[in-house]
Amino acid sequence: MFNLSQKLVNWYLIPMVVRIRFGKGSKLGRKRQKDKRLALVLAALLPPSALAAAVLALWSIAADLNWTNSFAIPSGIFSHWQVWLGAAVALQLCARALNRYGKSGDPAAS
């Protein structure tokens, strides 16, 4: 009887192996990682297009000031420098937002 009561008191000295099996993760988590990678790719491609739009805006301003012969687009909405400058700013802001989304939750980025 003493042996049984001693085992009941000292049960915590017996080594125990616990195995925890984690699944592959939810599909949502994997999809979010793919979305973040795609956002980083787009964020890398947008600044050169923003630069091109800014160059077109400067060219349009130079054409309005008669510093150059003429602008490539003579009429329509894209013949105005304000449109090109607004597009450049919008593209740069989108690149920044996509970059922040793509790097969110990344411990190496902070």
PDB file of N, CA and C in Angstrom:
ATOM      1  N   MET A   1       0.817  -1.189   0.000  1.00  0.00           N
ATOM      2  CA  MET A   1       0.000   0.000   0.000  1.00  0.00           C
ATOM      3  C   MET A   1       0.864   1.256   0.000  1.00  0.00           C
ATOM      4  N   PHE A   2       1.952   1.202   0.715  1.00  0.00           N
ATOM      5  CA  PHE A   2       2.840   2.352   0.796  1.00  0.00           C
ATOM      6  C   PHE A   2       3.432   2.664  -0.584  1.00  0.00           C
ATOM      7  N   ASN A   3       3.719   1.635  -1.334  1.00  0.00           N
ATOM      8  CA  ASN A   3       4.293   1.818  -2.658  1.00  0.00           C
ATOM      9  C   ASN A   3       3.304   2.528  -3.593  1.00  0.00           C
ATOM     10  N   LEU A   4       2.044   2.179  -3.520  1.00  0.00           N
ATOM     11  CA  LEU A   4       1.026   2.806  -4.356  1.00  0.00           C
ATOM     12  C   LEU A   4       0.824   4.268  -3.964  1.00  0.00           C
ATOM     13  N   SER A   5       0.750   4.561  -2.693  1.00  0.00           N
ATOM     14  CA  SER A   5       0.575   5.949  -2.259  1.00  0.00           C
ATOM     15  C   SER A   5       1.813   6.782  -2.592  1.00  0.00           C
ATOM     16  N   GLN A   6       2.986   6.164  -2.512  1.00  0.00           N
ATOM     17  CA  GLN A   6       4.201   6.887  -2.866  1.00  0.00           C
ATOM     18  C   GLN A   6       4.212   7.207  -4.360  1.00  0.00           C
ATOM     19  N   LYS A   7       3.737   6.281  -5.182  1.00  0.00           N
ATOM     20  CA  LYS A   7       3.661   6.533  -6.619  1.00  0.00           C
ATOM     21  C   LYS A   7       2.650   7.637  -6.923  1.00  0.00           C
ATOM     22  N   LEU A   8       1.571   7.688  -6.183  1.00  0.00           N
ATOM     23  CA  LEU A   8       0.571   8.726  -6.420  1.00  0.00           C
ATOM     24  C   LEU A   8       1.106  10.103  -6.042  1.00  0.00           C
ATOM     25  N   VAL A   9       1.915  10.164  -5.020  1.00  0.00           N
ATOM     26  CA  VAL A   9       2.467  11.440  -4.589  1.00  0.00           C
ATOM     27  C   VAL A   9       3.574  11.891  -5.533  1.00  0.00           C
ATOM     28  N   ASN A  10       4.385  10.994  -6.007  1.00  0.00           N
ATOM     29  CA  ASN A  10       5.540  11.330  -6.841  1.00  0.00           C
ATOM     30  C   ASN A  10       5.271  11.058  -8.330  1.00  0.00           C
ATOM     31  N   TRP A  11       4.101  11.244  -8.792  1.00  0.00           N
ATOM     32  CA  TRP A  11       3.767  10.970 -10.195  1.00  0.00           C
ATOM     33  C   TRP A  11       4.445  11.959 -11.158  1.00  0.00           C
ATOM     34  N   TYR A  12       4.775  13.140 -10.663  1.00  0.00           N
ATOM     35  CA  TYR A  12       5.358  14.163 -11.532  1.00  0.00           C
ATOM     36  C   TYR A  12       6.820  13.891 -11.854  1.00  0.00           C
ATOM     37  N   LEU A  13       7.444  12.918 -11.243  1.00  0.00           N
ATOM     38  CA  LEU A  13       8.831  12.584 -11.539  1.00  0.00           C
ATOM     39  C   LEU A  13       8.958  11.636 -12.730  1.00  0.00           C
ATOM     40  N   ILE A  14       7.854  11.134 -13.222  1.00  0.00           N
ATOM     41  CA  ILE A  14       7.878  10.215 -14.354  1.00  0.00           C
ATOM     42  C   ILE A  14       7.999  11.043 -15.638  1.00  0.00           C
ATOM     43  N   PRO A  15       8.985  10.760 -16.476  1.00  0.00           N
ATOM     44  CA  PRO A  15       9.131  11.538 -17.711  1.00  0.00           C
ATOM     45  C   PRO A  15       7.979  11.251 -18.674  1.00  0.00           C
ATOM     46  N   MET A  16       7.557  12.278 -19.353  1.00  0.00           N
ATOM     47  CA  MET A  16       6.456  12.138 -20.282  1.00  0.00           C
ATOM     48  C   MET A  16       6.836  12.823 -21.595  1.00  0.00           C
ATOM     49  N   VAL A  17       6.524  12.173 -22.683  1.00  0.00           N
ATOM     50  CA  VAL A  17       6.789  12.742 -23.997  1.00  0.00           C
ATOM     51  C   VAL A  17       5.454  13.183 -24.589  1.00  0.00           C
ATOM     52  N   VAL A  18       5.406  14.460 -24.960  1.00  0.00           N
ATOM     53  CA  VAL A  18       4.198  15.000 -25.571  1.00  0.00           C
ATOM     54  C   VAL A  18       4.542  15.410 -26.992  1.00  0.00           C
ATOM     55  N   ARG A  19       3.787  14.908 -27.930  1.00  0.00           N
ATOM     56  CA  ARG A  19       4.009  15.260 -29.330  1.00  0.00           C
ATOM     57  C   ARG A  19       2.859  16.138 -29.793  1.00  0.00           C
ATOM     58  N   ILE A  20       3.235  17.274 -30.326  1.00  0.00           N
ATOM     59  CA  ILE A  20       2.242  18.198 -30.866  1.00  0.00           C
ATOM     60  C   ILE A  20       2.459  18.253 -32.364  1.00  0.00           C
ATOM     61  N   ARG A  21       1.428  17.961 -33.098  1.00  0.00           N
ATOM     62  CA  ARG A  21       1.530  17.992 -34.558  1.00  0.00           C
ATOM     63  C   ARG A  21       0.760  19.197 -35.080  1.00  0.00           C
ATOM     64  N   PHE A  22       1.492  20.035 -35.778  1.00  0.00           N
ATOM     65  CA  PHE A  22       0.878  21.207 -36.382  1.00  0.00           C
ATOM     66  C   PHE A  22       0.543  20.897 -37.830  1.00  0.00           C
ATOM     67  N   GLY A  23      -0.572  21.411 -38.280  1.00  0.00           N
ATOM     68  CA  GLY A  23      -0.963  21.225 -39.667  1.00  0.00           C
ATOM     69  C   GLY A  23      -0.145  22.114 -40.578  1.00  0.00           C
ATOM     70  N   LYS A  24      -0.461  22.061 -41.850  1.00  0.00           N
ATOM     71  CA  LYS A  24       0.255  22.856 -42.829  1.00  0.00           C
ATOM     72  C   LYS A  24      -0.165  24.315 -42.789  1.00  0.00           C
ATOM     73  N   GLY A  25      -1.127  24.649 -42.022  1.00  0.00           N
ATOM     74  CA  GLY A  25      -1.605  26.031 -41.965  1.00  0.00           C
ATOM     75  C   GLY A  25      -2.859  26.184 -42.801  1.00  0.00           C
ATOM     76  N   SER A  26      -3.539  27.249 -42.557  1.00  0.00           N
ATOM     77  CA  SER A  26      -4.772  27.469 -43.296  1.00  0.00           C
ATOM     78  C   SER A  26      -4.461  27.980 -44.691  1.00  0.00           C
ATOM     79  N   LYS A  27      -5.398  27.785 -45.575  1.00  0.00           N
ATOM     80  CA  LYS A  27      -5.229  28.284 -46.936  1.00  0.00           C
ATOM     81  C   LYS A  27      -5.201  29.805 -46.945  1.00  0.00           C
ATOM     82  N   LEU A  28      -5.852  30.410 -45.989  1.00  0.00           N
ATOM     83  CA  LEU A  28      -5.877  31.865 -45.912  1.00  0.00           C
ATOM     84  C   LEU A  28      -4.487  32.404 -45.625  1.00  0.00           C
ATOM     85  N   GLY A  29      -3.753  31.757 -44.736  1.00  0.00           N
ATOM     86  CA  GLY A  29      -2.398  32.195 -44.415  1.00  0.00           C
ATOM     87  C   GLY A  29      -1.456  32.081 -45.602  1.00  0.00           C
ATOM     88  N   ARG A  30      -1.582  30.987 -46.362  1.00  0.00           N
ATOM     89  CA  ARG A  30      -0.740  30.823 -47.539  1.00  0.00           C
ATOM     90  C   ARG A  30      -1.120  31.819 -48.622  1.00  0.00           C
ATOM     91  N   LYS A  31      -2.413  32.090 -48.755  1.00  0.00           N
ATOM     92  CA  LYS A  31      -2.863  33.054 -49.759  1.00  0.00           C
ATOM     93  C   LYS A  31      -2.377  34.453 -49.396  1.00  0.00           C
ATOM     94  N   ARG A  32      -2.381  34.779 -48.108  1.00  0.00           N
ATOM     95  CA  ARG A  32      -1.913  36.096 -47.674  1.00  0.00           C
ATOM     96  C   ARG A  32      -0.432  36.273 -47.993  1.00  0.00           C
ATOM     97  N   GLN A  33       0.368  35.201 -47.846  1.00  0.00           N
ATOM     98  CA  GLN A  33       1.788  35.289 -48.173  1.00  0.00           C
ATOM     99  C   GLN A  33       1.977  35.535 -49.668  1.00  0.00           C
ATOM    100  N   LYS A  34       1.165  34.866 -50.495  1.00  0.00           N
ATOM    101  CA  LYS A  34       1.263  35.087 -51.935  1.00  0.00           C
ATOM    102  C   LYS A  34       0.851  36.510 -52.282  1.00  0.00           C
ATOM    103  N   ASP A  35      -0.179  37.010 -51.614  1.00  0.00           N
ATOM    104  CA  ASP A  35      -0.617  38.386 -51.857  1.00  0.00           C
ATOM    105  C   ASP A  35       0.470  39.377 -51.479  1.00  0.00           C
ATOM    106  N   LYS A  36       1.171  39.114 -50.391  1.00  0.00           N
ATOM    107  CA  LYS A  36       2.236  40.021 -49.963  1.00  0.00           C
ATOM    108  C   LYS A  36       3.397  40.007 -50.947  1.00  0.00           C
ATOM    109  N   ARG A  37       3.720  38.836 -51.485  1.00  0.00           N
ATOM    110  CA  ARG A  37       4.786  38.770 -52.485  1.00  0.00           C
ATOM    111  C   ARG A  37       4.389  39.511 -53.753  1.00  0.00           C
ATOM    112  N   LEU A  38       3.133  39.353 -54.167  1.00  0.00           N
ATOM    113  CA  LEU A  38       2.647  40.065 -55.341  1.00  0.00           C
ATOM    114  C   LEU A  38       2.653  41.572 -55.107  1.00  0.00           C
ATOM    115  N   ALA A  39       2.295  41.985 -53.902  1.00  0.00           N
ATOM    116  CA  ALA A  39       2.314  43.413 -53.572  1.00  0.00           C
ATOM    117  C   ALA A  39       3.728  43.962 -53.643  1.00  0.00           C
ATOM    118  N   LEU A  40       4.717  43.200 -53.188  1.00  0.00           N
ATOM    119  CA  LEU A  40       6.103  43.660 -53.257  1.00  0.00           C
ATOM    120  C   LEU A  40       6.607  43.747 -54.700  1.00  0.00           C
ATOM    121  N   VAL A  41       6.148  42.816 -55.549  1.00  0.00           N
ATOM    122  CA  VAL A  41       6.539  42.869 -56.961  1.00  0.00           C
ATOM    123  C   VAL A  41       5.950  44.110 -57.615  1.00  0.00           C
ATOM    124  N   LEU A  42       4.666  44.363 -57.359  1.00  0.00           N
ATOM    125  CA  LEU A  42       4.036  45.559 -57.931  1.00  0.00           C
ATOM    126  C   LEU A  42       4.642  46.835 -57.366  1.00  0.00           C
ATOM    127  N   ALA A  43       4.990  46.813 -56.098  1.00  0.00           N
ATOM    128  CA  ALA A  43       5.614  47.990 -55.481  1.00  0.00           C
ATOM    129  C   ALA A  43       6.979  48.278 -56.105  1.00  0.00           C
ATOM    130  N   ALA A  44       7.644  47.258 -56.590  1.00  0.00           N
ATOM    131  CA  ALA A  44       8.938  47.471 -57.250  1.00  0.00           C
ATOM    132  C   ALA A  44       8.764  47.991 -58.677  1.00  0.00           C
ATOM    133  N   LEU A  45       7.637  47.674 -59.310  1.00  0.00           N
ATOM    134  CA  LEU A  45       7.421  48.088 -60.698  1.00  0.00           C
ATOM    135  C   LEU A  45       6.783  49.467 -60.835  1.00  0.00           C
ATOM    136  N   LEU A  46       6.120  49.945 -59.820  1.00  0.00           N
ATOM    137  CA  LEU A  46       5.417  51.218 -59.927  1.00  0.00           C
ATOM    138  C   LEU A  46       6.321  52.461 -59.916  1.00  0.00           C
ATOM    139  N   PRO A  47       7.376  52.540 -59.137  1.00  0.00           N
ATOM    140  CA  PRO A  47       8.206  53.759 -59.166  1.00  0.00           C
ATOM    141  C   PRO A  47       8.812  54.110 -60.528  1.00  0.00           C
ATOM    142  N   PRO A  48       9.268  53.153 -61.340  1.00  0.00           N
ATOM    143  CA  PRO A  48       9.734  53.556 -62.672  1.00  0.00           C
ATOM    144  C   PRO A  48       8.625  54.153 -63.539  1.00  0.00           C
ATOM    145  N   SER A  49       7.407  53.632 -63.408  1.00  0.00           N
ATOM    146  CA  SER A  49       6.304  54.216 -64.172  1.00  0.00           C
ATOM    147  C   SER A  49       5.936  55.592 -63.623  1.00  0.00           C
ATOM    148  N   ALA A  50       6.090  55.792 -62.320  1.00  0.00           N
ATOM    149  CA  ALA A  50       5.858  57.121 -61.742  1.00  0.00           C
ATOM    150  C   ALA A  50       6.915  58.104 -62.253  1.00  0.00           C
ATOM    151  N   LEU A  51       8.133  57.645 -62.394  1.00  0.00           N
ATOM    152  CA  LEU A  51       9.187  58.495 -62.944  1.00  0.00           C
ATOM    153  C   LEU A  51       8.888  58.865 -64.396  1.00  0.00           C
ATOM    154  N   ALA A  52       8.403  57.905 -65.170  1.00  0.00           N
ATOM    155  CA  ALA A  52       8.053  58.184 -66.564  1.00  0.00           C
ATOM    156  C   ALA A  52       6.920  59.208 -66.643  1.00  0.00           C
ATOM    157  N   ALA A  53       5.935  59.084 -65.771  1.00  0.00           N
ATOM    158  CA  ALA A  53       4.834  60.059 -65.754  1.00  0.00           C
ATOM    159  C   ALA A  53       5.342  61.441 -65.353  1.00  0.00           C
ATOM    160  N   ALA A  54       6.273  61.508 -64.417  1.00  0.00           N
ATOM    161  CA  ALA A  54       6.837  62.795 -64.012  1.00  0.00           C
ATOM    162  C   ALA A  54       7.641  63.429 -65.150  1.00  0.00           C
ATOM    163  N   VAL A  55       8.361  62.611 -65.905  1.00  0.00           N
ATOM    164  CA  VAL A  55       9.108  63.120 -67.052  1.00  0.00           C
ATOM    165  C   VAL A  55       8.145  63.661 -68.106  1.00  0.00           C
ATOM    166  N   LEU A  56       7.047  62.966 -68.325  1.00  0.00           N
ATOM    167  CA  LEU A  56       6.046  63.462 -69.275  1.00  0.00           C
ATOM    168  C   LEU A  56       5.423  64.768 -68.786  1.00  0.00           C
ATOM    169  N   ALA A  57       5.224  64.888 -67.474  1.00  0.00           N
ATOM    170  CA  ALA A  57       4.694  66.144 -66.926  1.00  0.00           C
ATOM    171  C   ALA A  57       5.689  67.281 -67.151  1.00  0.00           C
ATOM    172  N   LEU A  58       6.972  67.039 -66.921  1.00  0.00           N
ATOM    173  CA  LEU A  58       7.983  68.069 -67.153  1.00  0.00           C
ATOM    174  C   LEU A  58       8.090  68.434 -68.632  1.00  0.00           C
ATOM    175  N   TRP A  59       7.967  67.448 -69.495  1.00  0.00           N
ATOM    176  CA  TRP A  59       8.003  67.697 -70.924  1.00  0.00           C
ATOM    177  C   TRP A  59       6.813  68.563 -71.350  1.00  0.00           C
ATOM    178  N   SER A  60       5.636  68.261 -70.788  1.00  0.00           N
ATOM    179  CA  SER A  60       4.449  69.054 -71.111  1.00  0.00           C
ATOM    180  C   SER A  60       4.597  70.493 -70.609  1.00  0.00           C
ATOM    181  N   ILE A  61       5.169  70.666 -69.426  1.00  0.00           N
ATOM    182  CA  ILE A  61       5.404  72.022 -68.907  1.00  0.00           C
ATOM    183  C   ILE A  61       6.396  72.759 -69.800  1.00  0.00           C
ATOM    184  N   ALA A  62       7.458  72.070 -70.219  1.00  0.00           N
ATOM    185  CA  ALA A  62       8.456  72.691 -71.092  1.00  0.00           C
ATOM    186  C   ALA A  62       7.848  73.060 -72.440  1.00  0.00           C
ATOM    187  N   ALA A  63       6.929  72.243 -72.934  1.00  0.00           N
ATOM    188  CA  ALA A  63       6.264  72.561 -74.203  1.00  0.00           C
ATOM    189  C   ALA A  63       5.342  73.769 -74.031  1.00  0.00           C
ATOM    190  N   ASP A  64       4.673  73.884 -72.880  1.00  0.00           N
ATOM    191  CA  ASP A  64       3.813  75.046 -72.624  1.00  0.00           C
ATOM    192  C   ASP A  64       4.626  76.333 -72.508  1.00  0.00           C
ATOM    193  N   LEU A  65       5.846  76.235 -72.016  1.00  0.00           N
ATOM    194  CA  LEU A  65       6.712  77.410 -71.880  1.00  0.00           C
ATOM    195  C   LEU A  65       7.554  77.667 -73.131  1.00  0.00           C
ATOM    196  N   ASN A  66       7.311  76.907 -74.188  1.00  0.00           N
ATOM    197  CA  ASN A  66       8.036  76.989 -75.457  1.00  0.00           C
ATOM    198  C   ASN A  66       9.533  76.729 -75.306  1.00  0.00           C
ATOM    199  N   TRP A  67       9.903  75.878 -74.369  1.00  0.00           N
ATOM    200  CA  TRP A  67      11.291  75.464 -74.233  1.00  0.00           C
ATOM    201  C   TRP A  67      11.595  74.302 -75.174  1.00  0.00           C
ATOM    202  N   THR A  68      10.548  73.553 -75.564  1.00  0.00           N
ATOM    203  CA  THR A  68      10.677  72.464 -76.530  1.00  0.00           C
ATOM    204  C   THR A  68       9.709  72.736 -77.675  1.00  0.00           C
ATOM    205  N   ASN A  69       9.835  71.998 -78.754  1.00  0.00           N
ATOM    206  CA  ASN A  69       8.978  72.229 -79.913  1.00  0.00           C
ATOM    207  C   ASN A  69       7.514  71.935 -79.606  1.00  0.00           C
ATOM    208  N   SER A  70       7.197  70.703 -79.259  1.00  0.00           N
ATOM    209  CA  SER A  70       5.811  70.352 -78.948  1.00  0.00           C
ATOM    210  C   SER A  70       5.793  69.106 -78.072  1.00  0.00           C
ATOM    211  N   PHE A  71       4.649  68.909 -77.438  1.00  0.00           N
ATOM    212  CA  PHE A  71       4.455  67.729 -76.602  1.00  0.00           C
ATOM    213  C   PHE A  71       3.960  66.595 -77.485  1.00  0.00           C
ATOM    214  N   ALA A  72       4.239  65.359 -77.104  1.00  0.00           N
ATOM    215  CA  ALA A  72       3.892  64.196 -77.922  1.00  0.00           C
ATOM    216  C   ALA A  72       2.386  64.024 -78.078  1.00  0.00           C
ATOM    217  N   ILE A  73       1.608  64.433 -77.093  1.00  0.00           N
ATOM    218  CA  ILE A  73       0.155  64.281 -77.139  1.00  0.00           C
ATOM    219  C   ILE A  73      -0.435  65.683 -77.275  1.00  0.00           C
ATOM    220  N   PRO A  74      -0.873  66.073 -78.486  1.00  0.00           N
ATOM    221  CA  PRO A  74      -1.302  67.458 -78.693  1.00  0.00           C
ATOM    222  C   PRO A  74      -2.688  67.802 -78.150  1.00  0.00           C
ATOM    223  N   SER A  75      -3.571  66.828 -78.035  1.00  0.00           N
ATOM    224  CA  SER A  75      -4.928  67.136 -77.570  1.00  0.00           C
ATOM    225  C   SER A  75      -5.450  65.997 -76.701  1.00  0.00           C
ATOM    226  N   GLY A  76      -6.500  66.298 -75.982  1.00  0.00           N
ATOM    227  CA  GLY A  76      -7.103  65.298 -75.100  1.00  0.00           C
ATOM    228  C   GLY A  76      -6.697  65.516 -73.658  1.00  0.00           C
ATOM    229  N   ILE A  77      -7.181  64.628 -72.818  1.00  0.00           N
ATOM    230  CA  ILE A  77      -6.935  64.799 -71.387  1.00  0.00           C
ATOM    231  C   ILE A  77      -5.465  64.594 -71.036  1.00  0.00           C
ATOM    232  N   PHE A  78      -4.775  63.754 -71.789  1.00  0.00           N
ATOM    233  CA  PHE A  78      -3.374  63.480 -71.479  1.00  0.00           C
ATOM    234  C   PHE A  78      -2.424  64.519 -72.049  1.00  0.00           C
ATOM    235  N   SER A  79      -2.948  65.580 -72.637  1.00  0.00           N
ATOM    236  CA  SER A  79      -2.085  66.646 -73.127  1.00  0.00           C
ATOM    237  C   SER A  79      -1.780  67.679 -72.044  1.00  0.00           C
ATOM    238  N   HIS A  80      -2.363  67.538 -70.870  1.00  0.00           N
ATOM    239  CA  HIS A  80      -2.175  68.494 -69.778  1.00  0.00           C
ATOM    240  C   HIS A  80      -1.144  67.953 -68.787  1.00  0.00           C
ATOM    241  N   TRP A  81      -0.263  68.834 -68.311  1.00  0.00           N
ATOM    242  CA  TRP A  81       0.789  68.416 -67.396  1.00  0.00           C
ATOM    243  C   TRP A  81       0.246  68.033 -66.031  1.00  0.00           C
ATOM    244  N   GLN A  82      -0.906  68.622 -65.643  1.00  0.00           N
ATOM    245  CA  GLN A  82      -1.478  68.320 -64.332  1.00  0.00           C
ATOM    246  C   GLN A  82      -1.883  66.848 -64.224  1.00  0.00           C
ATOM    247  N   VAL A  83      -2.380  66.299 -65.335  1.00  0.00           N
ATOM    248  CA  VAL A  83      -2.783  64.885 -65.347  1.00  0.00           C
ATOM    249  C   VAL A  83      -1.565  63.992 -65.134  1.00  0.00           C
ATOM    250  N   TRP A  84      -0.476  64.319 -65.832  1.00  0.00           N
ATOM    251  CA  TRP A  84       0.728  63.499 -65.702  1.00  0.00           C
ATOM    252  C   TRP A  84       1.356  63.621 -64.320  1.00  0.00           C
ATOM    253  N   LEU A  85       1.345  64.807 -63.773  1.00  0.00           N
ATOM    254  CA  LEU A  85       1.903  64.985 -62.434  1.00  0.00           C
ATOM    255  C   LEU A  85       1.043  64.274 -61.383  1.00  0.00           C
ATOM    256  N   GLY A  86      -0.268  64.360 -61.544  1.00  0.00           N
ATOM    257  CA  GLY A  86      -1.171  63.641 -60.632  1.00  0.00           C
ATOM    258  C   GLY A  86      -0.998  62.132 -60.736  1.00  0.00           C
ATOM    259  N   ALA A  87      -0.802  61.645 -61.967  1.00  0.00           N
ATOM    260  CA  ALA A  87      -0.567  60.210 -62.151  1.00  0.00           C
ATOM    261  C   ALA A  87       0.740  59.782 -61.500  1.00  0.00           C
ATOM    262  N   ALA A  88       1.768  60.615 -61.607  1.00  0.00           N
ATOM    263  CA  ALA A  88       3.058  60.285 -60.986  1.00  0.00           C
ATOM    264  C   ALA A  88       2.926  60.202 -59.468  1.00  0.00           C
ATOM    265  N   VAL A  89       2.216  61.165 -58.891  1.00  0.00           N
ATOM    266  CA  VAL A  89       2.028  61.158 -57.432  1.00  0.00           C
ATOM    267  C   VAL A  89       1.192  59.944 -57.013  1.00  0.00           C
ATOM    268  N   ALA A  90       0.124  59.663 -57.768  1.00  0.00           N
ATOM    269  CA  ALA A  90      -0.742  58.526 -57.426  1.00  0.00           C
ATOM    270  C   ALA A  90       0.013  57.207 -57.529  1.00  0.00           C
ATOM    271  N   LEU A  91       0.821  57.038 -58.555  1.00  0.00           N
ATOM    272  CA  LEU A  91       1.600  55.808 -58.703  1.00  0.00           C
ATOM    273  C   LEU A  91       2.615  55.651 -57.573  1.00  0.00           C
ATOM    274  N   GLN A  92       3.237  56.742 -57.180  1.00  0.00           N
ATOM    275  CA  GLN A  92       4.216  56.670 -56.089  1.00  0.00           C
ATOM    276  C   GLN A  92       3.533  56.337 -54.761  1.00  0.00           C
ATOM    277  N   LEU A  93       2.372  56.912 -54.525  1.00  0.00           N
ATOM    278  CA  LEU A  93       1.634  56.602 -53.296  1.00  0.00           C
ATOM    279  C   LEU A  93       1.159  55.156 -53.277  1.00  0.00           C
ATOM    280  N   CYS A  94       0.715  54.655 -54.422  1.00  0.00           N
ATOM    281  CA  CYS A  94       0.310  53.246 -54.495  1.00  0.00           C
ATOM    282  C   CYS A  94       1.502  52.321 -54.247  1.00  0.00           C
ATOM    283  N   ALA A  95       2.654  52.671 -54.784  1.00  0.00           N
ATOM    284  CA  ALA A  95       3.854  51.859 -54.559  1.00  0.00           C
ATOM    285  C   ALA A  95       4.220  51.835 -53.081  1.00  0.00           C
ATOM    286  N   ARG A  96       4.098  52.979 -52.442  1.00  0.00           N
ATOM    287  CA  ARG A  96       4.420  53.031 -51.013  1.00  0.00           C
ATOM    288  C   ARG A  96       3.441  52.203 -50.189  1.00  0.00           C
ATOM    289  N   ALA A  97       2.156  52.296 -50.515  1.00  0.00           N
ATOM    290  CA  ALA A  97       1.151  51.521 -49.780  1.00  0.00           C
ATOM    291  C   ALA A  97       1.342  50.024 -49.994  1.00  0.00           C
ATOM    292  N   LEU A  98       1.630  49.617 -51.221  1.00  0.00           N
ATOM    293  CA  LEU A  98       1.864  48.198 -51.492  1.00  0.00           C
ATOM    294  C   LEU A  98       3.131  47.705 -50.801  1.00  0.00           C
ATOM    295  N   ASN A  99       4.137  48.543 -50.734  1.00  0.00           N
ATOM    296  CA  ASN A  99       5.367  48.180 -50.051  1.00  0.00           C
ATOM    297  C   ASN A  99       5.129  47.988 -48.554  1.00  0.00           C
ATOM    298  N   ARG A 100       4.345  48.872 -47.979  1.00  0.00           N
ATOM    299  CA  ARG A 100       4.028  48.734 -46.545  1.00  0.00           C
ATOM    300  C   ARG A 100       3.210  47.479 -46.284  1.00  0.00           C
ATOM    301  N   TYR A 101       2.255  47.177 -47.177  1.00  0.00           N
ATOM    302  CA  TYR A 101       1.454  45.960 -47.000  1.00  0.00           C
ATOM    303  C   TYR A 101       2.316  44.717 -47.166  1.00  0.00           C
ATOM    304  N   GLY A 102       3.186  44.728 -48.158  1.00  0.00           N
ATOM    305  CA  GLY A 102       4.023  43.560 -48.411  1.00  0.00           C
ATOM    306  C   GLY A 102       5.008  43.272 -47.298  1.00  0.00           C
ATOM    307  N   LYS A 103       5.445  44.310 -46.597  1.00  0.00           N
ATOM    308  CA  LYS A 103       6.419  44.124 -45.511  1.00  0.00           C
ATOM    309  C   LYS A 103       5.760  44.083 -44.127  1.00  0.00           C
ATOM    310  N   SER A 104       4.445  44.168 -44.048  1.00  0.00           N
ATOM    311  CA  SER A 104       3.788  44.139 -42.737  1.00  0.00           C
ATOM    312  C   SER A 104       3.918  42.754 -42.122  1.00  0.00           C
ATOM    313  N   GLY A 105       4.228  42.716 -40.858  1.00  0.00           N
ATOM    314  CA  GLY A 105       4.389  41.453 -40.147  1.00  0.00           C
ATOM    315  C   GLY A 105       5.723  40.783 -40.406  1.00  0.00           C
ATOM    316  N   ASP A 106       6.611  41.433 -41.134  1.00  0.00           N
ATOM    317  CA  ASP A 106       7.924  40.890 -41.415  1.00  0.00           C
ATOM    318  C   ASP A 106       8.907  41.395 -40.361  1.00  0.00           C
ATOM    319  N   PRO A 107       9.438  40.518 -39.516  1.00  0.00           N
ATOM    320  CA  PRO A 107      10.333  41.004 -38.458  1.00  0.00           C
ATOM    321  C   PRO A 107      11.640  41.577 -38.997  1.00  0.00           C
ATOM    322  N   ALA A 108      12.065  41.154 -40.181  1.00  0.00           N
ATOM    323  CA  ALA A 108      13.321  41.681 -40.729  1.00  0.00           C
ATOM    324  C   ALA A 108      13.156  43.105 -41.246  1.00  0.00           C
ATOM    325  N   ALA A 109      11.926  43.478 -41.590  1.00  0.00           N
ATOM    326  CA  ALA A 109      11.696  44.815 -42.138  1.00  0.00           C
ATOM    327  C   ALA A 109      11.662  45.895 -41.069  1.00  0.00           C
ATOM    328  N   SER A 110      11.379  45.516 -39.822  1.00  0.00           N
ATOM    329  CA  SER A 110      11.281  46.543 -38.781  1.00  0.00           C
ATOM    330  C   SER A 110      12.556  46.784 -38.054  1.00  0.00           C
TER     331      SER A 110
END
